[in-house]
Amino acid sequence: MKVITMKQVEIYTTRFCGFCVAAKRLLKKKGAEFNEIDVGSAPEKRPEMMQRANGGRTVPQIFIGGRHIGGCDELYELERSGKLDNILAA
């Protein structure tokens, strides 16, 4: 069995965010492990998220291999265009 290694994935979320749930569902479907940072329960992380996301205030904010991907819509667009697997691959 071939083991596929993936880049580190970080996702900034809040607890009751439907877009966050959808993004995490797609990442799980892809077999990607991710570090979730809940800015609702750790509000001190929000300025870090906004700085890393070039001012992005909404959640989710997704980073793959340190690269800012965007939010849920951008993640699903990468999947639709067939680019997500390559971006996730280490």
Protein backbone atom coordinates (compact mmCIF):
# COMPACT_ATOMS: atom_id res chain seq x y z
CA MET A 1 0.00 0.00 0.00
CA LYS A 2 1.37 3.38 -0.99
CA VAL A 3 1.52 5.95 1.80
CA ILE A 4 0.72 9.45 0.60
CA THR A 5 2.35 12.23 2.57
CA MET A 6 0.69 15.59 2.67
CA LYS A 7 1.71 19.12 3.47
CA GLN A 8 0.75 20.64 6.80
CA VAL A 9 -2.76 22.06 6.73
CA GLU A 10 -3.95 24.76 9.11
CA ILE A 11 -7.53 25.99 9.27
CA TYR A 12 -8.81 28.89 11.33
CA THR A 13 -12.43 28.29 12.34
CA THR A 14 -15.23 29.17 14.72
CA ARG A 15 -17.54 26.71 16.41
CA PHE A 16 -20.82 27.32 14.57
CA CYS A 17 -19.49 28.06 11.09
CA GLY A 18 -21.12 26.00 8.34
CA PHE A 19 -18.38 26.90 5.85
CA CYS A 20 -15.77 25.67 8.36
CA VAL A 21 -17.63 22.36 8.68
CA ALA A 22 -17.78 21.99 4.88
CA ALA A 23 -14.08 22.77 4.47
CA LYS A 24 -13.08 20.29 7.19
CA ARG A 25 -15.34 17.64 5.63
CA LEU A 26 -13.55 18.00 2.27
CA LEU A 27 -10.12 17.89 3.91
CA LYS A 28 -11.09 14.73 5.82
CA LYS A 29 -12.44 13.17 2.61
CA LYS A 30 -9.04 13.85 1.05
CA GLY A 31 -7.32 12.16 4.01
CA ALA A 32 -5.63 15.41 5.01
CA GLU A 33 -4.86 15.90 8.65
CA PHE A 34 -5.18 19.49 9.79
CA ASN A 35 -4.45 21.72 12.72
CA GLU A 36 -7.65 23.56 13.63
CA ILE A 37 -7.34 26.94 15.33
CA ASP A 38 -10.69 28.03 16.79
CA VAL A 39 -10.59 31.84 16.89
CA GLY A 40 -13.92 31.82 18.72
CA SER A 41 -12.48 30.14 21.79
CA ALA A 42 -8.98 31.61 21.28
CA PRO A 43 -9.71 35.20 20.16
CA GLU A 44 -6.04 36.14 20.62
CA LYS A 45 -5.39 34.05 17.47
CA ARG A 46 -7.65 36.23 15.27
CA PRO A 47 -5.03 38.97 14.66
CA GLU A 48 -2.54 36.24 13.69
CA MET A 49 -5.09 34.79 11.26
CA MET A 50 -5.84 38.19 9.74
CA GLN A 51 -2.15 39.00 9.34
CA ARG A 52 -1.41 35.64 7.70
CA ALA A 53 -4.52 35.91 5.50
CA ASN A 54 -3.64 39.40 4.23
CA GLY A 55 -6.48 41.01 6.18
CA GLY A 56 -8.99 38.15 5.79
CA ARG A 57 -11.50 38.46 8.64
CA THR A 58 -13.91 35.64 7.87
CA VAL A 59 -13.54 31.97 8.70
CA PRO A 60 -12.42 29.57 7.57
CA GLN A 61 -8.98 30.75 6.54
CA ILE A 62 -7.03 27.79 5.15
CA PHE A 63 -3.28 27.37 4.78
CA ILE A 64 -1.62 24.41 3.05
CA GLY A 65 2.13 24.09 3.43
CA GLY A 66 2.17 27.63 4.82
CA ARG A 67 0.49 28.99 1.67
CA HIS A 68 -2.78 30.88 2.09
CA ILE A 69 -5.46 29.10 0.07
CA GLY A 70 -8.39 31.28 1.11
CA GLY A 71 -11.70 30.13 2.49
CA CYS A 72 -14.18 27.34 1.85
CA ASP A 73 -15.15 28.56 -1.64
CA GLU A 74 -11.52 28.65 -2.76
CA LEU A 75 -10.86 25.18 -1.31
CA TYR A 76 -13.82 23.70 -3.20
CA GLU A 77 -12.79 25.52 -6.39
CA LEU A 78 -9.35 23.89 -6.14
CA GLU A 79 -11.11 20.51 -5.78
CA ARG A 80 -13.41 21.18 -8.77
CA SER A 81 -10.48 22.24 -10.94
CA GLY A 82 -8.50 19.13 -10.00
CA LYS A 83 -5.67 21.11 -8.34
CA LEU A 84 -6.29 20.30 -4.66
CA ASP A 85 -4.57 16.89 -4.67
CA ASN A 86 -1.34 18.38 -6.06
CA ILE A 87 -1.40 21.24 -3.57
CA LEU A 88 -1.90 18.80 -0.67
CA ALA A 89 0.85 16.41 -1.82
CA ALA A 90 4.16 16.86 -0.05
